[in-house]
C-alpha atoms as a PDB file:
ATOM      1  CA  MET A   1      77.477  -3.425 -10.960  1.00  0.00           C
ATOM      2  CA  ILE A   2      73.786  -2.989 -10.085  1.00  0.00           C
ATOM      3  CA  LEU A   3      72.464  -1.713  -6.771  1.00  0.00           C
ATOM      4  CA  PHE A   4      68.879  -2.955  -6.646  1.00  0.00           C
ATOM      5  CA  THR A   5      66.937  -0.984  -4.061  1.00  0.00           C
ATOM      6  CA  LYS A   6      63.769   0.617  -2.879  1.00  0.00           C
ATOM      7  CA  SER A   7      63.905   4.316  -2.163  1.00  0.00           C
ATOM      8  CA  PRO A   8      63.814   4.892   1.617  1.00  0.00           C
ATOM      9  CA  ALA A   9      60.305   5.824   2.724  1.00  0.00           C
ATOM     10  CA  PRO A  10      58.245   5.099   5.873  1.00  0.00           C
ATOM     11  CA  ASP A  11      56.460   1.729   5.838  1.00  0.00           C
ATOM     12  CA  GLN A  12      58.380   0.713   2.692  1.00  0.00           C
ATOM     13  CA  VAL A  13      61.797  -0.354   4.028  1.00  0.00           C
ATOM     14  CA  LYS A  14      62.897  -2.600   6.935  1.00  0.00           C
ATOM     15  CA  THR A  15      59.243  -3.270   7.752  1.00  0.00           C
ATOM     16  CA  ARG A  16      60.012  -6.447   9.715  1.00  0.00           C
ATOM     17  CA  LEU A  17      62.199  -4.457  12.079  1.00  0.00           C
ATOM     18  CA  VAL A  18      59.233  -2.164  12.647  1.00  0.00           C
ATOM     19  CA  GLU A  19      56.741  -5.014  13.028  1.00  0.00           C
ATOM     20  CA  ASN A  20      58.957  -6.573  15.703  1.00  0.00           C
ATOM     21  CA  GLY A  21      59.177  -3.289  17.596  1.00  0.00           C
ATOM     22  CA  PHE A  22      62.930  -2.935  17.155  1.00  0.00           C
ATOM     23  CA  LEU A  23      62.560   0.344  15.260  1.00  0.00           C
ATOM     24  CA  ASN A  24      59.790   2.777  14.491  1.00  0.00           C
ATOM     25  CA  ALA A  25      59.002   3.726  10.882  1.00  0.00           C
ATOM     26  CA  GLU A  26      61.187   6.846  10.900  1.00  0.00           C
ATOM     27  CA  GLU A  27      64.119   4.977  12.430  1.00  0.00           C
ATOM     28  CA  ALA A  28      63.746   2.244   9.799  1.00  0.00           C
ATOM     29  CA  VAL A  29      64.109   4.861   7.060  1.00  0.00           C
ATOM     30  CA  GLU A  30      67.144   6.337   8.778  1.00  0.00           C
ATOM     31  CA  ILE A  31      68.911   2.981   9.153  1.00  0.00           C
ATOM     32  CA  TYR A  32      68.143   2.007   5.556  1.00  0.00           C
ATOM     33  CA  GLU A  33      69.557   5.309   4.306  1.00  0.00           C
ATOM     34  CA  ALA A  34      72.716   4.479   6.255  1.00  0.00           C
ATOM     35  CA  PHE A  35      72.816   0.998   4.708  1.00  0.00           C
ATOM     36  CA  LEU A  36      72.560   2.514   1.234  1.00  0.00           C
ATOM     37  CA  SER A  37      75.244   5.088   2.010  1.00  0.00           C
ATOM     38  CA  ASP A  38      77.718   2.400   3.084  1.00  0.00           C
ATOM     39  CA  ILE A  39      76.888   0.136   0.155  1.00  0.00           C
ATOM     40  CA  LEU A  40      77.119   2.967  -2.369  1.00  0.00           C
ATOM     41  CA  GLU A  41      80.564   3.938  -1.096  1.00  0.00           C
ATOM     42  CA  THR A  42      81.754   0.323  -1.283  1.00  0.00           C
ATOM     43  CA  VAL A  43      80.458  -0.370  -4.781  1.00  0.00           C
ATOM     44  CA  GLY A  44      81.552   3.088  -5.898  1.00  0.00           C
ATOM     45  CA  ARG A  45      85.141   2.337  -4.848  1.00  0.00           C
ATOM     46  CA  TYR A  46      84.984  -1.051  -6.548  1.00  0.00           C
ATOM     47  CA  ALA A  47      83.620   0.427  -9.770  1.00  0.00           C
ATOM     48  CA  ALA A  48      86.255   3.174  -9.864  1.00  0.00           C
ATOM     49  CA  ARG A  49      89.159   0.811  -9.203  1.00  0.00           C
ATOM     50  CA  ASN A  50      88.000  -1.775 -11.727  1.00  0.00           C
ATOM     51  CA  ARG A  51      86.667   0.474 -14.502  1.00  0.00           C
ATOM     52  CA  ALA A  52      83.178  -0.899 -14.019  1.00  0.00           C
ATOM     53  CA  ASP A  53      79.928   1.005 -14.342  1.00  0.00           C
ATOM     54  CA  LEU A  54      77.590   1.395 -11.372  1.00  0.00           C
ATOM     55  CA  VAL A  55      73.870   1.256 -12.128  1.00  0.00           C
ATOM     56  CA  VAL A  56      71.257   2.148  -9.519  1.00  0.00           C
ATOM     57  CA  SER A  57      68.059   0.178 -10.130  1.00  0.00           C
ATOM     58  CA  TYR A  58      65.371   1.864  -8.042  1.00  0.00           C
ATOM     59  CA  PHE A  59      61.688   1.642  -7.107  1.00  0.00           C
ATOM     60  CA  PRO A  60      59.178   3.313  -6.972  1.00  0.00           C
ATOM     61  CA  GLU A  61      59.162   5.900  -9.751  1.00  0.00           C
ATOM     62  CA  ASP A  62      59.033   8.897  -7.404  1.00  0.00           C
ATOM     63  CA  GLY A  63      61.944   7.599  -5.326  1.00  0.00           C
ATOM     64  CA  LEU A  64      64.829   8.853  -7.431  1.00  0.00           C
ATOM     65  CA  ASP A  65      65.089  12.246  -5.730  1.00  0.00           C
ATOM     66  CA  LYS A  66      65.738  10.595  -2.360  1.00  0.00           C
ATOM     67  CA  ILE A  67      68.473   8.399  -3.808  1.00  0.00           C
ATOM     68  CA  LEU A  68      70.101  11.424  -5.429  1.00  0.00           C
ATOM     69  CA  GLU A  69      69.963  13.177  -2.058  1.00  0.00           C
ATOM     70  CA  ILE A  70      71.796  10.254  -0.423  1.00  0.00           C
ATOM     71  CA  LEU A  71      74.449  10.296  -3.154  1.00  0.00           C
ATOM     72  CA  LYS A  72      75.049  14.017  -2.644  1.00  0.00           C
ATOM     73  CA  SER A  73      75.525  13.503   1.102  1.00  0.00           C
ATOM     74  CA  LEU A  74      78.306  10.909   0.808  1.00  0.00           C
ATOM     75  CA  ARG A  75      81.770  11.734   2.093  1.00  0.00           C
ATOM     76  CA  ASP A  76      83.388  10.431  -1.080  1.00  0.00           C
ATOM     77  CA  PRO A  77      81.793  11.097  -4.485  1.00  0.00           C
ATOM     78  CA  VAL A  78      80.269   8.028  -6.143  1.00  0.00           C
ATOM     79  CA  LYS A  79      79.851   7.980  -9.907  1.00  0.00           C
ATOM     80  CA  VAL A  80      76.628   6.400 -11.156  1.00  0.00           C
ATOM     81  CA  ALA A  81      76.549   5.513 -14.844  1.00  0.00           C
ATOM     82  CA  ARG A  82      72.765   5.251 -15.063  1.00  0.00           C
ATOM     83  CA  PHE A  83      69.574   5.131 -13.031  1.00  0.00           C
ATOM     84  CA  ASP A  84      67.051   2.486 -14.084  1.00  0.00           C
ATOM     85  CA  LEU A  85      63.475   2.335 -12.823  1.00  0.00           C
ATOM     86  CA  GLN A  86      62.511  -1.225 -11.876  1.00  0.00           C
ATOM     87  CA  GLU A  87      59.430  -2.358 -13.767  1.00  0.00           C
ATOM     88  CA  GLY A  88      56.894  -4.960 -12.675  1.00  0.00           C
ATOM     89  CA  SER A  89      54.403  -5.557  -9.871  1.00  0.00           C
ATOM     90  CA  SER A  90      56.460  -8.157  -7.975  1.00  0.00           C
ATOM     91  CA  PHE A  91      60.025  -8.451  -6.695  1.00  0.00           C
ATOM     92  CA  ASP A  92      60.710 -11.243  -9.224  1.00  0.00           C
ATOM     93  CA  GLN A  93      59.518  -9.134 -12.146  1.00  0.00           C
ATOM     94  CA  ARG A  94      61.537  -6.134 -11.008  1.00  0.00           C
ATOM     95  CA  MET A  95      64.654  -8.308 -10.742  1.00  0.00           C
ATOM     96  CA  ASN A  96      64.107  -9.543 -14.306  1.00  0.00           C
ATOM     97  CA  SER A  97      63.657  -5.917 -15.354  1.00  0.00           C
ATOM     98  CA  ALA A  98      66.898  -4.789 -13.706  1.00  0.00           C
ATOM     99  CA  PHE A  99      69.021  -7.384 -15.507  1.00  0.00           C
ATOM    100  CA  SER A 100      67.166  -6.946 -18.793  1.00  0.00           C
ATOM    101  CA  LYS A 101      67.750  -3.193 -18.889  1.00  0.00           C
ATOM    102  CA  VAL A 102      71.506  -3.391 -18.442  1.00  0.00           C
ATOM    103  CA  PHE A 103      71.839  -6.176 -20.997  1.00  0.00           C
ATOM    104  CA  VAL A 104      69.720  -4.264 -23.524  1.00  0.00           C
ATOM    105  CA  ALA A 105      72.034  -1.308 -22.874  1.00  0.00           C
ATOM    106  CA  GLY A 106      74.949  -3.461 -24.058  1.00  0.00           C
ATOM    107  CA  TYR A 107      76.607  -4.700 -20.874  1.00  0.00           C
ATOM    108  CA  GLN A 108      77.941  -8.244 -21.202  1.00  0.00           C
ATOM    109  CA  ALA A 109      77.860  -9.212 -17.506  1.00  0.00           C
ATOM    110  CA  ALA A 110      76.278  -7.808 -14.371  1.00  0.00           C
ATOM    111  CA  VAL A 111      76.401  -8.375 -10.627  1.00  0.00           C
ATOM    112  CA  ILE A 112      73.393  -7.252  -8.623  1.00  0.00           C
ATOM    113  CA  ILE A 113      73.177  -6.583  -4.889  1.00  0.00           C
ATOM    114  CA  GLY A 114      70.436  -5.243  -2.650  1.00  0.00           C
ATOM    115  CA  GLY A 115      70.411  -2.633   0.081  1.00  0.00           C
ATOM    116  CA  ASP A 116      70.254  -5.026   3.026  1.00  0.00           C
ATOM    117  CA  SER A 117      73.939  -5.939   3.509  1.00  0.00           C
ATOM    118  CA  PRO A 118      75.788  -2.827   4.669  1.00  0.00           C
ATOM    119  CA  THR A 119      79.001  -4.748   5.437  1.00  0.00           C
ATOM    120  CA  ILE A 120      79.387  -6.149   1.922  1.00  0.00           C
ATOM    121  CA  SER A 121      82.987  -5.726   0.776  1.00  0.00           C
ATOM    122  CA  GLU A 122      84.789  -5.214  -2.497  1.00  0.00           C
ATOM    123  CA  LYS A 123      86.090  -8.756  -2.002  1.00  0.00           C
ATOM    124  CA  HIS A 124      82.563 -10.185  -2.290  1.00  0.00           C
ATOM    125  CA  ILE A 125      81.958  -8.262  -5.502  1.00  0.00           C
ATOM    126  CA  GLU A 126      85.293  -9.269  -7.005  1.00  0.00           C
ATOM    127  CA  GLU A 127      84.617 -12.943  -6.198  1.00  0.00           C
ATOM    128  CA  ALA A 128      81.470 -12.747  -8.314  1.00  0.00           C
ATOM    129  CA  PHE A 129      83.039 -10.954 -11.273  1.00  0.00           C
ATOM    130  CA  ALA A 130      86.041 -13.304 -11.178  1.00  0.00           C
ATOM    131  CA  LEU A 131      83.736 -16.279 -11.661  1.00  0.00           C
ATOM    132  CA  LEU A 132      81.828 -14.540 -14.449  1.00  0.00           C
ATOM    133  CA  ARG A 133      85.018 -13.837 -16.415  1.00  0.00           C
ATOM    134  CA  ASP A 134      86.792 -17.126 -15.585  1.00  0.00           C
ATOM    135  CA  PRO A 135      87.706 -18.702 -18.959  1.00  0.00           C
ATOM    136  CA  ARG A 136      86.942 -22.141 -17.534  1.00  0.00           C
ATOM    137  CA  HIS A 137      83.266 -21.160 -17.575  1.00  0.00           C
ATOM    138  CA  SER A 138      83.281 -19.314 -20.896  1.00  0.00           C
ATOM    139  CA  ASN A 139      81.339 -22.010 -22.747  1.00  0.00           C
ATOM    140  CA  LEU A 140      78.946 -22.751 -19.894  1.00  0.00           C
ATOM    141  CA  GLY A 141      75.729 -21.150 -18.795  1.00  0.00           C
ATOM    142  CA  ILE A 142      76.365 -20.016 -15.222  1.00  0.00           C
ATOM    143  CA  ILE A 143      74.712 -17.985 -12.503  1.00  0.00           C
ATOM    144  CA  VAL A 144      76.749 -16.691  -9.564  1.00  0.00           C
ATOM    145  CA  VAL A 145      75.103 -16.298  -6.168  1.00  0.00           C
ATOM    146  CA  GLY A 146      76.143 -14.940  -2.807  1.00  0.00           C
ATOM    147  CA  PRO A 147      74.338 -17.096  -0.224  1.00  0.00           C
ATOM    148  CA  CYS A 148      72.874 -15.561   2.919  1.00  0.00           C
ATOM    149  CA  SER A 149      73.024 -17.373   6.225  1.00  0.00           C
ATOM    150  CA  ASP A 150      69.198 -17.365   6.385  1.00  0.00           C
ATOM    151  CA  GLY A 151      68.652 -19.264   3.110  1.00  0.00           C
ATOM    152  CA  GLY A 152      68.355 -16.240   0.866  1.00  0.00           C
ATOM    153  CA  VAL A 153      70.907 -14.523  -1.364  1.00  0.00           C
ATOM    154  CA  TYR A 154      72.606 -11.135  -1.173  1.00  0.00           C
ATOM    155  CA  LEU A 155      74.193 -11.128  -4.648  1.00  0.00           C
ATOM    156  CA  ILE A 156      73.481 -12.543  -8.106  1.00  0.00           C
ATOM    157  CA  GLY A 157      75.742 -12.426 -11.146  1.00  0.00           C
ATOM    158  CA  LEU A 158      74.760 -13.181 -14.742  1.00  0.00           C
ATOM    159  CA  LYS A 159      76.126 -12.937 -18.244  1.00  0.00           C
ATOM    160  CA  ARG A 160      74.088 -11.398 -21.020  1.00  0.00           C
ATOM    161  CA  ASP A 161      73.727 -14.680 -22.908  1.00  0.00           C
ATOM    162  CA  VAL A 162      72.303 -16.673 -19.960  1.00  0.00           C
ATOM    163  CA  PRO A 163      68.480 -16.829 -20.251  1.00  0.00           C
ATOM    164  CA  PHE A 164      67.580 -16.900 -16.551  1.00  0.00           C
ATOM    165  CA  ASN A 165      64.038 -16.040 -15.432  1.00  0.00           C
ATOM    166  CA  PHE A 166      63.512 -15.134 -11.772  1.00  0.00           C
ATOM    167  CA  SER A 167      59.722 -15.516 -11.748  1.00  0.00           C
ATOM    168  CA  GLY A 168      58.658 -17.490  -8.676  1.00  0.00           C
ATOM    169  CA  VAL A 169      62.189 -17.766  -7.293  1.00  0.00           C
ATOM    170  CA  PHE A 170      62.190 -15.383  -4.335  1.00  0.00           C
ATOM    171  CA  GLN A 171      60.003 -17.150  -1.798  1.00  0.00           C
ATOM    172  CA  LYS A 172      59.554 -17.873   1.879  1.00  0.00           C
ATOM    173  CA  LYS A 173      58.194 -21.080   3.410  1.00  0.00           C
ATOM    174  CA  ASP A 174      56.932 -20.994   6.991  1.00  0.00           C
ATOM    175  CA  GLU A 175      58.714 -17.644   7.389  1.00  0.00           C
ATOM    176  CA  LEU A 176      62.014 -19.169   6.215  1.00  0.00           C
ATOM    177  CA  ASP A 177      63.726 -17.767   3.132  1.00  0.00           C
ATOM    178  CA  ILE A 178      64.063 -20.490   0.490  1.00  0.00           C
ATOM    179  CA  SER A 179      65.283 -18.266  -2.343  1.00  0.00           C
ATOM    180  CA  LEU A 180      68.658 -20.008  -2.590  1.00  0.00           C
ATOM    181  CA  SER A 181      67.109 -23.467  -2.919  1.00  0.00           C
ATOM    182  CA  MET A 182      64.641 -22.103  -5.501  1.00  0.00           C
ATOM    183  CA  LEU A 183      67.525 -20.612  -7.491  1.00  0.00           C
ATOM    184  CA  GLU A 184      69.291 -23.967  -7.377  1.00  0.00           C
ATOM    185  CA  SER A 185      66.149 -25.722  -8.588  1.00  0.00           C
ATOM    186  CA  ARG A 186      65.587 -23.241 -11.419  1.00  0.00           C
ATOM    187  CA  SER A 187      69.245 -23.544 -12.464  1.00  0.00           C
ATOM    188  CA  ARG A 188      68.903 -27.318 -12.745  1.00  0.00           C
ATOM    189  CA  GLU A 189      65.727 -26.938 -14.812  1.00  0.00           C
ATOM    190  CA  LEU A 190      67.550 -24.623 -17.227  1.00  0.00           C
ATOM    191  CA  SER A 191      70.799 -26.669 -17.252  1.00  0.00           C
ATOM    192  CA  ILE A 192      72.649 -23.663 -15.858  1.00  0.00           C
ATOM    193  CA  GLN A 193      75.513 -24.167 -13.417  1.00  0.00           C
ATOM    194  CA  LEU A 194      75.119 -22.318 -10.118  1.00  0.00           C
ATOM    195  CA  LEU A 195      78.371 -21.083  -8.570  1.00  0.00           C
ATOM    196  CA  ARG A 196      78.608 -19.750  -5.018  1.00  0.00           C
ATOM    197  CA  ILE A 197      80.802 -17.068  -3.512  1.00  0.00           C
ATOM    198  CA  SER A 198      81.346 -16.351   0.196  1.00  0.00           C
ATOM    199  CA  THR A 199      78.365 -16.400   2.539  1.00  0.00           C
ATOM    200  CA  LEU A 200      77.199 -13.111   4.046  1.00  0.00           C
ATOM    201  CA  TYR A 201      73.989 -11.998   5.760  1.00  0.00           C
ATOM    202  CA  ASP A 202      71.328  -9.425   5.119  1.00  0.00           C
ATOM    203  CA  VAL A 203      69.532  -7.409   7.762  1.00  0.00           C
ATOM    204  CA  ASP A 204      65.790  -8.033   7.937  1.00  0.00           C
ATOM    205  CA  ILE A 205      64.857  -8.873  11.547  1.00  0.00           C
ATOM    206  CA  PRO A 206      66.131  -7.927  15.033  1.00  0.00           C
ATOM    207  CA  LYS A 207      68.342 -11.028  15.197  1.00  0.00           C
ATOM    208  CA  ASP A 208      70.150  -9.817  12.074  1.00  0.00           C
ATOM    209  CA  MET A 209      70.733  -6.449  13.720  1.00  0.00           C
ATOM    210  CA  GLU A 210      72.536  -8.224  16.545  1.00  0.00           C
ATOM    211  CA  VAL A 211      74.751 -10.012  14.017  1.00  0.00           C
ATOM    212  CA  LEU A 212      75.480  -6.635  12.434  1.00  0.00           C
ATOM    213  CA  ARG A 213      76.255  -5.093  15.813  1.00  0.00           C
ATOM    214  CA  GLU A 214      78.714  -7.892  16.612  1.00  0.00           C
ATOM    215  CA  GLU A 215      80.465  -7.582  13.246  1.00  0.00           C
ATOM    216  CA  LEU A 216      80.853  -3.832  13.644  1.00  0.00           C
ATOM    217  CA  SER A 217      82.328  -4.415  17.102  1.00  0.00           C
ATOM    218  CA  ARG A 218      84.962  -6.743  15.643  1.00  0.00           C
ATOM    219  CA  ASN A 219      85.715  -4.570  12.599  1.00  0.00           C
ATOM    220  CA  PRO A 220      85.719  -0.862  13.449  1.00  0.00           C
ATOM    221  CA  GLU A 221      86.418   0.180   9.850  1.00  0.00           C
ATOM    222  CA  LEU A 222      83.208  -1.316   8.469  1.00  0.00           C
ATOM    223  CA  ALA A 223      80.017   0.535   7.546  1.00  0.00           C
ATOM    224  CA  PRO A 224      80.668   3.948   9.138  1.00  0.00           C
ATOM    225  CA  HIS A 225      77.268   5.391   8.200  1.00  0.00           C
ATOM    226  CA  THR A 226      75.425   2.432   9.689  1.00  0.00           C
ATOM    227  CA  ARG A 227      77.617   2.502  12.772  1.00  0.00           C
ATOM    228  CA  GLU A 228      76.853   6.195  13.325  1.00  0.00           C
ATOM    229  CA  VAL A 229      73.085   5.717  13.085  1.00  0.00           C
ATOM    230  CA  LEU A 230      73.111   2.646  15.315  1.00  0.00           C
ATOM    231  CA  ARG A 231      75.094   4.535  17.930  1.00  0.00           C
ATOM    232  CA  ARG A 232      72.581   7.356  17.896  1.00  0.00           C
ATOM    233  CA  LEU A 233      69.440   5.202  17.834  1.00  0.00           C
ATOM    234  CA  LYS A 234      70.433   2.270  20.004  1.00  0.00           C
ATOM    235  CA  GLY A 235      73.412   3.465  21.975  1.00  0.00           C
ATOM    236  CA  PHE A 236      75.883   1.260  20.090  1.00  0.00           C
END
């Protein structure tokens, strides 16, 4: 299980929320720290219950101390098997690096998520791993994706023996995320079968924050760290 994230720092995280005037730079850091706290607790519970290892893939190099600080502040301890620095100058290259490092370390399958979906559940993660270990796909090259409602993806699962390259995949066209369609196109080129799990959303722009607010209203047990910060910042 890989959490692929930037370390929270002003002007580095949730920049589109700042550009749109929804948050200032300090508030963006605070909300992203809350996102990471909720996600870490969710994936930590999943890893512990399923005897999986949690890897934190982080960027930039000097960001590890902040991530360790967040881990120490959690209500429930979360065990991290390893911390891997993302390498590369682009998002695509860093994604390739994150998968490559865990496979070189000997892991046979990995599911990667980002820090933008604080309401992700253990169910989403289990859907992905279930497809990766399904014997019906054992002789096939597959990639598992969690589609976002905006055309992007919030989760990707791969096996060690699937030679997938993410270069040029994560793109926007006219401000619309086309990463999912690019992943589908690349999969066809490589004769790899793309399998989808449940759709979720990530939080990038003010409209996404409203979706988040509505989901938290319907499900009071979700994302307690995010809920607390939203209440304080925006009177939720």
